[in-house]
Amino acid sequence: MKQSPRFLHGWALLLCLASIAHSAITPAAELRIGLSGEVTSLDPHFLAAQPNLTVARHVFESLTDVDPQTRLIPGLAERWRALDALNWEFNLRRGVKFHDGTELTAEDVAFSLQRPLSIKGSPGGFASFVRAVESTAVVDKYTLRVRTKYPYGALPEELNSILIVSKKHALNAGPEDFDSGRALIGTGPYRFVRYQRGDRLELARHDGWWGRRPAWDKVTLRIVTADPSRTAALLSGELDVIEHVPSADIRNINKNKKLRVMQTTSWRTILLHVDQYRPQPPGITGADGSPLARNPFMDRRVRLAISKAIHRTAIAERVMEGLAVPAANIVSPGVFGHNAALKAEPYDPEGAKRLLAEAGYPKGFNITLAGPNNRYINDEQILQTVAQLLTRIGIITRVEAAPMSAYLGRVRKEETSFSLLGWGSFAADLALRSLVATPTPDKGYGAWNWGRYSNTKVDTLMEQALASVDRPKREALASTANTLAMNDLAFIPLHHQIVSWGMRAGLSYTPRTDEFTFAHHFTPR
C-alpha cells in the first residue's frame, strides 16, 4: 500500500525523535577512572594491597561477595552452609563462564584456594586467608566442600579475599604471566585488553558475564597517584571518575555543576601503634635526653594520657576538612562487631598531664612518631598535628614521615616504637586477629600488631568468636573482645576515614565502605 507523504514525514520524525531519545539515555562507551594507588601486580594472589585488588576484581570474582556496606552476600557461590564445626559446603552458580568461554567448575575453585600457598616471593600475599583450610573436596561440578583445621566461623569472610582463577590458564603461571595478560582469565565483568605498568589497565566488557550487564563497553583504569594531577584530570574531562578526592578539592568540585562528589564512612581506622614489648624501645628518651629506666608505653596511664591529649574533633574538622569520624572502635560504624556504646576519648590535656605525673613522668619525655606521607588522607598532616598536641602536655614529639614502602621497611626492621597505621576489615574479630592478638606466626595472629600488645582475655574472646559458626553469637563475642581491647588501649584509635569519589554529574555510584572503586557499579543517572 502506498503511504502519503504526510504519513512518511511523520514516521521519519518519530524515528528521529526516538534516535535522539536513545542517544540521550545511552551512556558513553568508555568509562575512564583515575585510581589513587600504585598497582604492583595483576596476579590476584601475589600481594594483598588495595590498589591491586581494585583492578583484579574487575577481572576476577570470589566465592562470597560483600555489598557496599560490607555485608556478606553471594558471589560465585549461590549459597553455602556449615555442615558441622569443621566442614563447609559451597554451591556454585551454574553456567558461569570464564573470558575464554570455558565454564567455571569446582575444580577451578579448589585450585584457587590452594594456589596462594604456593606463591613464592610475595611481600604480603593471601596465604593467611586460607591458613585455616585443611583440605578441599570436589563433590561434583558445582559443589565444593572445605574442611578447616579447627572450628572457624569466619571462613565465608576469608574466602571473599581469594579470587577465583582458571586452573587451565593459571596452572604453573607466575606474576609475569598475569601482567602480560596470558593468565589474566577470570569470570568477572571485564576482560583484559592492555596493561601499561605505572600508567593504565584497559579492559573490555565480558558479554558472557552472569551478572547484570555493565553500562560500559570499555573501561580504562588510569593510575594517577598524585592528588593534584588526579583532580586536574577530572576537571579537564580527561577522566570521568576519580577516587580518594583530596579534601582541599571537594568544595571546588561540588561547586562545578558538571561534577559531583559521593562519600561514605570508610571501614578504615587510622590508629597509632605503641611499643609494649621492649624495655627501652627506639626513639624514646627522658625529658633531658637520657635513656629511660622503663618503657612508658607499657603503663596504661601513659597510653590514656596520649589518647586524652589528642583532639580528634579538631583533626576531623580541620586537618581532615570533614573527611573523618572520631574513632573509639577497632572497626567503623556498621561493620560486624562494632560497639556503638564506645565513645571517642574526649580532648582533656589537663587530665593527660595528671596521668603522666601519676605514672612518674611529671616532666614528660621525648618520642619519635613515624608514619607514611603518601598512603592515607592527609597522613603527614595528621602526624604533625598529633606531635603538636602531645608536645603541649610535655611529650616532646618529633615526626619522621616517609613514603609507604620505605616506612614499612623501617617498621619491619623494628626501628619504630610509635607508628601510624590505617586498617580496614569485614569484622572486628578479623581486625583483632591482625592488629591486637598476641603475635603467633603459626596461627597468623598479630601480623600487624606492631606494638606486640598481648592480653590473654582478648585472645580467648577473639578465638571463640572466630570459631563460632553461629553469627549472632560470634558477633557478640567479637564486640566484647573489641571493647576489652579498646578499653585497655591496645592501640590509640584516631578516626575512621570518610572516602570520596569525584565524577561527572551524569554518573551515579553507591559509595562503598571498603573503599573499592568498581567500574561495573557506576551507572548513568
Protein backbone atom coordinates (compact mmCIF):
# COMPACT_ATOMS: atom_id res chain seq x y z
CA MET A 1 0.00 0.00 0.00
CA LYS A 2 1.32 3.41 -0.95
CA GLN A 3 1.73 5.79 2.04
CA SER A 4 1.03 9.50 1.86
CA PRO A 5 3.94 11.98 2.04
CA ARG A 6 2.45 13.36 5.27
CA PHE A 7 2.50 9.87 6.84
CA LEU A 8 6.10 9.24 5.73
CA HIS A 9 7.20 12.62 7.09
CA GLY A 10 5.55 11.89 10.45
CA TRP A 11 7.13 8.40 10.61
CA ALA A 12 10.56 9.86 9.86
CA LEU A 13 10.06 12.48 12.57
CA LEU A 14 9.16 9.79 15.09
CA LEU A 15 12.25 7.78 14.16
CA CYS A 16 14.41 10.88 14.56
CA LEU A 17 12.96 11.68 17.98
CA ALA A 18 13.40 8.08 19.07
CA SER A 19 17.02 8.20 17.95
CA ILE A 20 17.62 11.41 19.90
CA ALA A 21 15.96 9.96 23.00
CA HIS A 22 18.03 6.78 22.72
CA SER A 23 21.27 8.73 22.41
CA ALA A 24 20.32 10.82 25.44
CA ILE A 25 19.97 7.80 27.72
CA THR A 26 22.73 5.60 26.25
CA PRO A 27 25.94 6.00 28.25
CA ALA A 28 29.28 6.69 26.68
CA ALA A 29 31.00 3.53 25.53
CA GLU A 30 34.04 4.14 27.73
CA LEU A 31 34.45 4.93 31.42
CA ARG A 32 37.81 6.41 32.46
CA ILE A 33 38.67 6.07 36.15
CA GLY A 34 41.60 7.64 38.00
CA LEU A 35 42.99 5.33 40.69
CA SER A 36 45.00 6.76 43.58
CA GLY A 37 47.33 3.85 44.36
CA GLU A 38 50.21 2.24 42.53
CA VAL A 39 49.34 -1.16 41.03
CA THR A 40 52.27 -3.50 41.58
CA SER A 41 50.93 -6.81 40.23
CA LEU A 42 47.95 -8.18 38.32
CA ASP A 43 48.41 -11.62 39.88
CA PRO A 44 45.35 -11.83 42.18
CA HIS A 45 47.23 -13.95 44.75
CA PHE A 46 50.60 -12.16 44.89
CA LEU A 47 50.19 -9.03 47.02
CA ALA A 48 47.13 -8.20 49.14
CA ALA A 49 47.18 -4.44 48.54
CA GLN A 50 44.03 -2.41 47.87
CA PRO A 51 45.17 -0.93 44.50
CA ASN A 52 45.97 -4.42 43.20
CA LEU A 53 42.64 -5.79 44.41
CA THR A 54 40.74 -2.89 42.85
CA VAL A 55 41.92 -3.77 39.35
CA ALA A 56 41.82 -7.54 39.95
CA ARG A 57 38.15 -7.50 40.99
CA HIS A 58 37.16 -6.18 37.56
CA VAL A 59 38.54 -9.39 36.03
CA PHE A 60 38.13 -11.98 38.80
CA GLU A 61 35.47 -12.84 41.37
CA SER A 62 35.31 -14.65 44.70
CA LEU A 63 33.05 -17.31 46.17
CA THR A 64 31.46 -14.84 48.57
CA ASP A 65 30.96 -11.13 47.99
CA VAL A 66 30.08 -8.08 50.08
CA ASP A 67 27.66 -5.27 49.39
CA PRO A 68 28.63 -1.56 49.64
CA GLN A 69 28.10 -1.74 53.43
CA THR A 70 30.44 -4.80 53.69
CA ARG A 71 27.56 -7.19 54.40
CA LEU A 72 28.23 -10.71 53.18
CA ILE A 73 26.31 -11.68 50.02
CA PRO A 74 26.57 -14.48 47.41
CA GLY A 75 29.32 -14.28 44.80
CA LEU A 76 30.32 -17.20 42.59
CA ALA A 77 28.74 -19.38 45.27
CA GLU A 78 24.96 -19.05 45.28
CA ARG A 79 24.82 -20.39 48.82
CA TRP A 80 26.94 -22.00 51.49
CA ARG A 81 26.43 -23.68 54.85
CA ALA A 82 28.37 -25.13 57.75
CA LEU A 83 27.80 -28.88 57.78
CA ASP A 84 29.37 -29.05 61.24
CA ALA A 85 32.08 -27.23 63.18
CA LEU A 86 34.80 -28.17 60.65
CA ASN A 87 33.10 -28.75 57.29
CA TRP A 88 31.53 -26.26 54.90
CA GLU A 89 29.70 -26.78 51.62
CA PHE A 90 29.65 -24.21 48.79
CA ASN A 91 27.21 -24.48 45.88
CA LEU A 92 28.38 -22.69 42.73
CA ARG A 93 26.32 -20.74 40.24
CA ARG A 94 25.72 -22.79 37.12
CA GLY A 95 26.71 -21.56 33.70
CA VAL A 96 29.36 -19.05 34.85
CA LYS A 97 31.84 -18.56 32.01
CA PHE A 98 35.48 -17.58 32.02
CA HIS A 99 36.59 -14.99 29.47
CA ASP A 100 37.79 -17.79 27.16
CA GLY A 101 34.29 -19.31 27.12
CA THR A 102 35.00 -22.29 29.39
CA GLU A 103 32.69 -22.95 32.32
CA LEU A 104 33.65 -22.36 35.95
CA THR A 105 33.73 -25.59 37.94
CA ALA A 106 34.54 -26.67 41.48
CA GLU A 107 37.98 -27.79 40.20
CA ASP A 108 38.86 -24.16 39.42
CA VAL A 109 37.73 -23.11 42.89
CA ALA A 110 39.69 -25.86 44.65
CA PHE A 111 42.81 -24.90 42.67
CA SER A 112 42.33 -21.22 43.52
CA LEU A 113 42.08 -21.92 47.25
CA GLN A 114 45.35 -23.87 47.13
CA ARG A 115 47.33 -21.54 44.86
CA PRO A 116 48.10 -18.75 47.41
CA LEU A 117 50.10 -21.27 49.46
CA SER A 118 52.41 -21.94 46.51
CA ILE A 119 53.24 -18.30 45.66
CA LYS A 120 56.93 -17.58 46.18
CA GLY A 121 58.49 -14.19 46.78
CA SER A 122 55.26 -12.46 47.78
CA PRO A 123 55.82 -9.42 50.00
CA GLY A 124 52.38 -9.89 51.56
CA GLY A 125 50.20 -12.46 49.90
CA PHE A 126 46.93 -14.24 50.51
CA ALA A 127 48.07 -17.34 52.38
CA SER A 128 46.66 -16.02 55.66
CA PHE A 129 43.13 -16.12 54.22
CA VAL A 130 43.34 -19.88 53.61
CA ARG A 131 45.51 -20.74 56.62
CA ALA A 132 42.52 -22.36 58.35
CA VAL A 133 41.78 -24.65 55.36
CA GLU A 134 42.90 -28.24 55.85
CA SER A 135 41.51 -29.69 52.61
CA THR A 136 39.05 -29.24 49.77
CA ALA A 137 36.88 -31.91 48.15
CA VAL A 138 35.12 -31.63 44.79
CA VAL A 139 31.71 -33.27 45.28
CA ASP A 140 30.56 -32.57 41.74
CA LYS A 141 30.95 -29.93 39.04
CA TYR A 142 29.11 -27.30 41.08
CA THR A 143 29.72 -28.37 44.69
CA LEU A 144 32.83 -27.93 46.80
CA ARG A 145 33.42 -28.93 50.40
CA VAL A 146 36.03 -27.23 52.53
CA ARG A 147 37.36 -28.73 55.75
CA THR A 148 39.08 -26.44 58.25
CA LYS A 149 41.86 -27.38 60.67
CA TYR A 150 39.81 -26.08 63.58
CA PRO A 151 36.31 -24.60 64.06
CA TYR A 152 36.28 -21.42 62.03
CA GLY A 153 33.13 -19.36 61.57
CA ALA A 154 34.91 -16.58 59.66
CA LEU A 155 35.64 -18.81 56.64
CA PRO A 156 32.97 -17.19 54.37
CA GLU A 157 34.52 -13.73 55.01
CA GLU A 158 38.04 -15.04 54.47
CA LEU A 159 37.15 -16.64 51.14
CA ASN A 160 35.87 -13.28 49.91
CA SER A 161 39.54 -12.30 49.68
CA ILE A 162 40.50 -15.24 47.45
CA LEU A 163 39.78 -14.51 43.79
CA ILE A 164 38.98 -17.49 41.59
CA VAL A 165 41.28 -18.11 38.63
CA SER A 166 41.09 -20.52 35.71
CA LYS A 167 43.05 -23.67 36.53
CA LYS A 168 43.68 -24.16 32.84
CA HIS A 169 45.42 -20.79 32.47
CA ALA A 170 46.89 -20.27 35.96
CA LEU A 171 48.49 -23.69 36.45
CA ASN A 172 52.25 -23.06 36.68
CA ALA A 173 51.69 -19.35 35.91
CA GLY A 174 53.62 -16.67 37.77
CA PRO A 175 53.00 -12.95 38.30
CA GLU A 176 54.62 -12.13 34.95
CA ASP A 177 52.04 -14.29 33.16
CA PHE A 178 49.22 -12.29 34.73
CA ASP A 179 50.89 -8.95 33.97
CA SER A 180 51.22 -9.97 30.31
CA GLY A 181 47.55 -10.96 30.18
CA ARG A 182 48.25 -14.59 29.32
CA ALA A 183 46.88 -15.89 32.63
CA LEU A 184 44.55 -12.95 33.30
CA ILE A 185 41.44 -15.01 32.51
CA GLY A 186 38.65 -14.59 35.02
CA THR A 187 34.86 -14.75 35.23
CA GLY A 188 34.43 -11.04 36.08
CA PRO A 189 32.51 -8.32 34.22
CA TYR A 190 35.59 -7.16 32.29
CA ARG A 191 38.34 -8.90 30.35
CA PHE A 192 41.94 -7.90 29.75
CA VAL A 193 42.92 -5.74 26.76
CA ARG A 194 46.20 -3.99 27.63
CA TYR A 195 48.35 -3.19 30.65
CA GLN A 196 50.93 -0.42 30.76
CA ARG A 197 52.71 -0.64 34.12
CA GLY A 198 52.56 2.56 36.12
CA ASP A 199 50.03 4.12 33.75
CA ARG A 200 46.85 2.20 32.89
CA LEU A 201 44.91 -1.03 32.52
CA GLU A 202 42.47 -1.24 29.60
CA LEU A 203 39.50 -3.60 29.83
CA ALA A 204 36.59 -4.62 27.62
CA ARG A 205 33.16 -5.78 28.73
CA HIS A 206 32.77 -9.54 29.20
CA ASP A 207 29.47 -10.09 27.43
CA GLY A 208 29.20 -13.60 28.84
CA TRP A 209 29.17 -12.36 32.44
CA TRP A 210 26.46 -13.92 34.60
CA GLY A 211 25.68 -10.64 36.40
CA ARG A 212 23.76 -7.57 35.34
CA ARG A 213 25.16 -6.18 32.09
CA PRO A 214 27.60 -3.31 32.84
CA ALA A 215 26.88 0.06 31.22
CA TRP A 216 30.35 0.43 29.73
CA ASP A 217 31.82 -1.31 26.68
CA LYS A 218 35.35 -0.26 27.60
CA VAL A 219 36.98 0.73 30.89
CA THR A 220 40.32 2.42 31.35
CA LEU A 221 41.78 2.34 34.85
CA ARG A 222 44.38 5.12 34.99
CA ILE A 223 46.98 5.12 37.76
CA VAL A 224 47.30 8.73 38.96
CA THR A 225 48.88 8.72 42.41
CA ALA A 226 49.45 12.49 42.70
CA ASP A 227 46.35 14.13 44.20
CA PRO A 228 46.60 17.41 42.20
CA SER A 229 47.04 15.51 38.93
CA ARG A 230 44.03 13.30 39.61
CA THR A 231 41.80 16.28 40.37
CA ALA A 232 43.09 18.22 37.35
CA ALA A 233 42.30 15.26 35.07
CA LEU A 234 38.71 15.19 36.35
CA LEU A 235 38.26 18.96 35.97
CA SER A 236 39.65 18.90 32.41
CA GLY A 237 37.42 15.99 31.35
CA GLU A 238 40.37 13.65 30.82
CA LEU A 239 38.86 11.34 33.45
CA ASP A 240 35.21 10.60 34.22
CA VAL A 241 35.78 9.43 37.80
CA ILE A 242 38.48 9.76 40.44
CA GLU A 243 38.75 8.03 43.80
CA HIS A 244 40.04 9.49 47.07
CA VAL A 245 39.27 13.09 46.23
CA PRO A 246 41.71 15.36 48.14
CA SER A 247 39.92 17.13 50.97
CA ALA A 248 41.08 20.53 49.70
CA ASP A 249 39.39 19.94 46.32
CA ILE A 250 35.97 18.69 47.40
CA ARG A 251 34.42 22.15 47.81
CA ASN A 252 35.52 23.28 44.33
CA ILE A 253 34.31 20.08 42.70
CA ASN A 254 30.91 20.42 44.38
CA LYS A 255 30.63 23.98 43.05
CA ASN A 256 31.11 22.71 39.49
CA LYS A 257 27.69 21.89 38.03
CA LYS A 258 29.26 19.38 35.65
CA LEU A 259 30.68 17.33 38.52
CA ARG A 260 29.60 15.75 41.80
CA VAL A 261 31.13 14.10 44.87
CA MET A 262 29.82 10.98 46.61
CA GLN A 263 31.00 9.92 50.07
CA THR A 264 30.64 7.38 52.87
CA THR A 265 32.38 6.45 56.10
CA SER A 266 35.16 4.02 55.28
CA TRP A 267 35.93 0.78 57.09
CA ARG A 268 39.48 2.08 57.54
CA THR A 269 40.50 3.02 61.07
CA ILE A 270 43.52 5.31 61.42
CA LEU A 271 45.42 4.41 64.57
CA LEU A 272 48.69 4.73 66.46
CA HIS A 273 50.59 1.60 67.49
CA VAL A 274 52.71 1.97 70.62
CA ASP A 275 55.58 -0.34 71.57
CA GLN A 276 54.53 -2.50 74.52
CA TYR A 277 57.19 -5.21 74.49
CA ARG A 278 60.71 -3.71 74.67
CA PRO A 279 62.12 -2.27 77.91
CA GLN A 280 63.85 0.54 76.00
CA PRO A 281 62.31 0.96 72.53
CA PRO A 282 63.97 3.17 69.92
CA GLY A 283 63.07 6.86 69.68
CA ILE A 284 62.14 7.30 73.36
CA THR A 285 64.27 9.22 75.88
CA GLY A 286 63.77 11.19 79.06
CA ALA A 287 62.97 14.90 79.01
CA ASP A 288 66.70 15.63 79.31
CA GLY A 289 67.60 13.22 76.50
CA SER A 290 68.86 10.45 78.78
CA PRO A 291 67.69 6.83 78.48
CA LEU A 292 64.55 5.91 80.43
CA ALA A 293 64.64 3.14 83.01
CA ARG A 294 61.45 1.60 81.58
CA ASN A 295 59.18 1.79 78.54
CA PRO A 296 56.44 4.37 79.35
CA PHE A 297 54.04 2.84 76.79
CA MET A 298 53.72 -0.28 78.98
CA ASP A 299 51.79 1.83 81.50
CA ARG A 300 48.10 2.18 80.59
CA ARG A 301 48.05 5.60 82.26
CA VAL A 302 50.58 6.86 79.71
CA ARG A 303 48.59 5.39 76.82
CA LEU A 304 45.44 7.03 78.19
CA ALA A 305 47.29 10.35 78.61
CA ILE A 306 48.28 10.20 74.93
CA SER A 307 44.68 9.45 73.97
CA LYS A 308 43.35 12.34 76.07
CA ALA A 309 45.90 14.72 74.55
CA ILE A 310 44.64 14.11 71.00
CA HIS A 311 41.89 16.47 69.86
CA ARG A 312 40.08 14.10 67.50
CA THR A 313 37.28 16.53 66.69
CA ALA A 314 39.78 19.21 65.64
CA ILE A 315 41.65 16.70 63.49
CA ALA A 316 38.41 15.57 61.84
CA GLU A 317 37.15 19.10 61.18
CA ARG A 318 40.37 20.97 60.38
CA VAL A 319 43.14 18.59 59.36
CA MET A 320 40.78 16.19 57.56
CA GLU A 321 38.42 19.01 56.49
CA GLY A 322 35.42 16.94 57.47
CA LEU A 323 36.67 13.65 55.98
CA ALA A 324 36.85 11.75 59.28
CA VAL A 325 34.76 10.45 62.18
CA PRO A 326 36.50 10.29 65.61
CA ALA A 327 37.14 6.63 66.49
CA ALA A 328 36.77 4.51 69.61
CA ASN A 329 36.41 1.09 67.93
CA ILE A 330 38.68 -1.20 66.00
CA VAL A 331 36.13 -1.14 63.14
CA SER A 332 33.93 1.64 61.81
CA PRO A 333 30.15 2.02 62.40
CA GLY A 334 28.07 -0.66 60.72
CA VAL A 335 30.90 -3.19 60.48
CA PHE A 336 30.40 -6.60 62.13
CA GLY A 337 31.35 -6.38 65.83
CA HIS A 338 31.34 -2.57 66.12
CA ASN A 339 30.24 -1.42 69.60
CA ALA A 340 28.25 1.82 69.30
CA ALA A 341 28.41 2.30 73.09
CA LEU A 342 32.14 3.05 72.89
CA LYS A 343 32.79 6.78 72.55
CA ALA A 344 35.92 8.57 71.35
CA GLU A 345 38.13 9.79 74.22
CA PRO A 346 37.35 13.49 74.86
CA TYR A 347 40.11 16.05 74.50
CA ASP A 348 41.48 16.64 78.01
CA PRO A 349 45.08 17.98 78.08
CA GLU A 350 44.99 18.75 81.81
CA GLY A 351 43.78 15.24 82.59
CA ALA A 352 46.58 13.93 80.36
CA LYS A 353 49.20 15.86 82.35
CA ARG A 354 47.86 14.49 85.63
CA LEU A 355 48.06 10.92 84.30
CA LEU A 356 51.65 11.44 83.17
CA ALA A 357 52.57 12.72 86.62
CA GLU A 358 50.85 9.73 88.28
CA ALA A 359 52.79 7.39 86.01
CA GLY A 360 56.09 9.00 87.06
CA TYR A 361 56.65 11.37 84.15
CA PRO A 362 55.78 14.83 85.51
CA LYS A 363 58.26 16.42 83.07
CA GLY A 364 57.21 14.18 80.20
CA PHE A 365 59.65 12.52 77.83
CA ASN A 366 60.79 12.60 74.19
CA ILE A 367 59.45 10.35 71.44
CA THR A 368 59.60 9.93 67.66
CA LEU A 369 56.34 9.44 65.76
CA ALA A 370 56.73 7.59 62.44
CA GLY A 371 54.26 7.25 59.59
CA PRO A 372 53.67 7.41 55.85
CA ASN A 373 53.29 10.59 53.83
CA ASN A 374 51.57 9.15 50.75
CA ARG A 375 49.12 6.45 51.84
CA TYR A 376 46.18 7.80 53.87
CA ILE A 377 44.15 11.00 53.59
CA ASN A 378 46.35 13.87 54.87
CA ASP A 379 48.59 11.39 56.68
CA GLU A 380 51.61 13.65 57.20
CA GLN A 381 49.38 16.49 58.44
CA ILE A 382 47.87 14.07 60.96
CA LEU A 383 51.34 13.15 62.19
CA GLN A 384 52.34 16.80 62.61
CA THR A 385 49.12 17.65 64.44
CA VAL A 386 49.41 14.73 66.85
CA ALA A 387 53.03 15.74 67.52
CA GLN A 388 51.99 19.31 68.38
CA LEU A 389 49.20 18.12 70.69
CA LEU A 390 51.48 15.71 72.56
CA THR A 391 54.21 18.33 72.89
CA ARG A 392 51.69 20.55 74.69
CA ILE A 393 51.40 18.01 77.53
CA GLY A 394 55.16 17.51 77.84
CA ILE A 395 55.69 14.58 75.47
CA ILE A 396 58.10 16.25 73.05
CA THR A 397 57.36 14.58 69.73
CA ARG A 398 59.46 14.51 66.58
CA VAL A 399 57.90 13.34 63.29
CA GLU A 400 59.55 11.03 60.77
CA ALA A 401 57.36 10.68 57.66
CA ALA A 402 58.32 8.68 54.57
CA PRO A 403 56.72 7.02 51.51
CA MET A 404 54.77 3.92 52.49
CA SER A 405 57.26 1.45 51.02
CA ALA A 406 60.20 2.95 52.93
CA TYR A 407 58.12 3.36 56.08
CA LEU A 408 57.00 -0.28 56.13
CA GLY A 409 60.63 -1.33 55.69
CA ARG A 410 61.54 0.53 58.88
CA VAL A 411 58.60 -0.97 60.78
CA ARG A 412 59.50 -4.49 59.69
CA LYS A 413 63.05 -3.91 60.94
CA GLU A 414 61.56 -2.84 64.30
CA GLU A 415 63.11 0.62 64.04
CA THR A 416 59.94 2.42 65.21
CA SER A 417 58.07 2.41 68.52
CA PHE A 418 55.25 4.92 67.86
CA SER A 419 53.71 4.32 64.44
CA LEU A 420 50.68 5.33 62.39
CA LEU A 421 48.66 2.70 60.51
CA GLY A 422 45.33 2.52 58.67
CA TRP A 423 43.33 -0.73 58.72
CA GLY A 424 40.04 -1.90 57.23
CA SER A 425 38.29 -5.19 57.90
CA PHE A 426 35.00 -7.01 57.35
CA ALA A 427 34.66 -7.84 61.05
CA ALA A 428 36.00 -6.89 64.48
CA ASP A 429 37.35 -10.37 65.22
CA LEU A 430 39.30 -10.39 61.95
CA ALA A 431 40.72 -6.95 62.74
CA LEU A 432 41.65 -8.09 66.25
CA ARG A 433 43.42 -11.11 64.82
CA SER A 434 45.70 -8.88 62.73
CA LEU A 435 46.12 -5.79 64.92
CA VAL A 436 45.77 -6.86 68.55
CA ALA A 437 46.16 -10.63 69.01
CA THR A 438 49.34 -11.85 70.68
CA PRO A 439 51.73 -12.42 67.75
CA THR A 440 51.62 -16.14 66.92
CA PRO A 441 53.08 -16.72 63.43
CA ASP A 442 51.95 -20.34 63.06
CA LYS A 443 48.32 -19.21 63.57
CA GLY A 444 48.68 -15.99 61.60
CA TYR A 445 47.87 -13.91 64.68
CA GLY A 446 49.20 -10.40 65.26
CA ALA A 447 50.82 -9.95 61.85
CA TRP A 448 50.18 -6.19 62.09
CA ASN A 449 50.39 -5.91 65.87
CA TRP A 450 53.42 -3.64 65.69
CA GLY A 451 53.32 -2.80 69.40
CA ARG A 452 53.10 -6.51 70.34
CA TYR A 453 50.25 -5.84 72.73
CA SER A 454 49.23 -9.05 74.48
CA ASN A 455 46.09 -9.79 76.51
CA THR A 456 45.04 -13.40 77.07
CA LYS A 457 41.40 -12.40 77.70
CA VAL A 458 41.21 -10.59 74.37
CA ASP A 459 42.89 -13.53 72.63
CA THR A 460 40.44 -16.02 74.14
CA LEU A 461 37.35 -14.00 73.21
CA MET A 462 38.68 -13.42 69.68
CA GLU A 463 39.38 -17.13 69.19
CA GLN A 464 35.92 -18.03 70.50
CA ALA A 465 34.38 -15.54 68.06
CA LEU A 466 36.34 -16.83 65.09
CA ALA A 467 35.45 -20.43 65.97
CA SER A 468 31.69 -19.84 66.16
CA VAL A 469 29.53 -20.71 63.15
CA ASP A 470 26.58 -19.04 64.93
CA ARG A 471 26.79 -15.48 63.54
CA PRO A 472 24.86 -13.67 66.34
CA LYS A 473 26.97 -15.44 68.97
CA ARG A 474 30.13 -14.71 67.00
CA GLU A 475 29.29 -11.01 66.71
CA ALA A 476 28.60 -10.71 70.45
CA LEU A 477 31.96 -12.31 71.26
CA ALA A 478 33.77 -10.13 68.69
CA SER A 479 32.17 -6.98 70.09
CA THR A 480 33.14 -7.92 73.64
CA ALA A 481 36.75 -8.58 72.60
CA ASN A 482 36.82 -5.30 70.69
CA THR A 483 35.53 -3.44 73.76
CA LEU A 484 38.08 -5.01 76.08
CA ALA A 485 40.99 -4.22 73.73
CA MET A 486 39.87 -0.63 73.21
CA ASN A 487 39.35 0.00 76.95
CA ASP A 488 42.86 -1.35 77.55
CA LEU A 489 44.21 0.92 74.76
CA ALA A 490 45.81 -1.90 72.79
CA PHE A 491 46.50 0.95 70.35
CA ILE A 492 45.40 4.59 70.17
CA PRO A 493 42.44 4.95 67.76
CA LEU A 494 42.27 8.28 65.91
CA HIS A 495 39.47 8.29 63.34
CA HIS A 496 37.62 6.46 60.60
CA GLN A 497 38.23 7.96 57.16
CA ILE A 498 35.41 9.29 55.02
CA VAL A 499 36.12 8.17 51.50
CA SER A 500 35.14 10.28 48.47
CA TRP A 501 34.63 9.79 44.75
CA GLY A 502 34.51 12.66 42.27
CA MET A 503 32.69 12.11 38.97
CA ARG A 504 30.79 13.62 36.07
CA ALA A 505 27.36 14.86 37.15
CA GLY A 506 25.73 12.33 34.84
CA LEU A 507 27.10 9.38 36.78
CA SER A 508 25.90 7.62 39.91
CA TYR A 509 27.75 5.32 42.33
CA THR A 510 26.85 3.77 45.66
CA PRO A 511 29.82 4.69 47.90
CA ARG A 512 31.49 1.61 49.34
CA THR A 513 32.58 1.23 52.95
CA ASP A 514 35.50 -0.93 51.76
CA GLU A 515 36.76 1.95 49.54
CA PHE A 516 36.76 -0.12 46.36
CA THR A 517 36.14 1.57 43.01
CA PHE A 518 34.33 -0.72 40.56
CA ALA A 519 33.51 0.38 37.02
CA HIS A 520 30.57 -2.03 36.75
CA HIS A 521 28.87 -0.32 39.72
CA PHE A 522 28.81 3.08 38.01
CA THR A 523 25.60 3.86 36.15
CA PRO A 524 24.30 6.81 34.15
CA ARG A 525 21.82 8.89 36.14
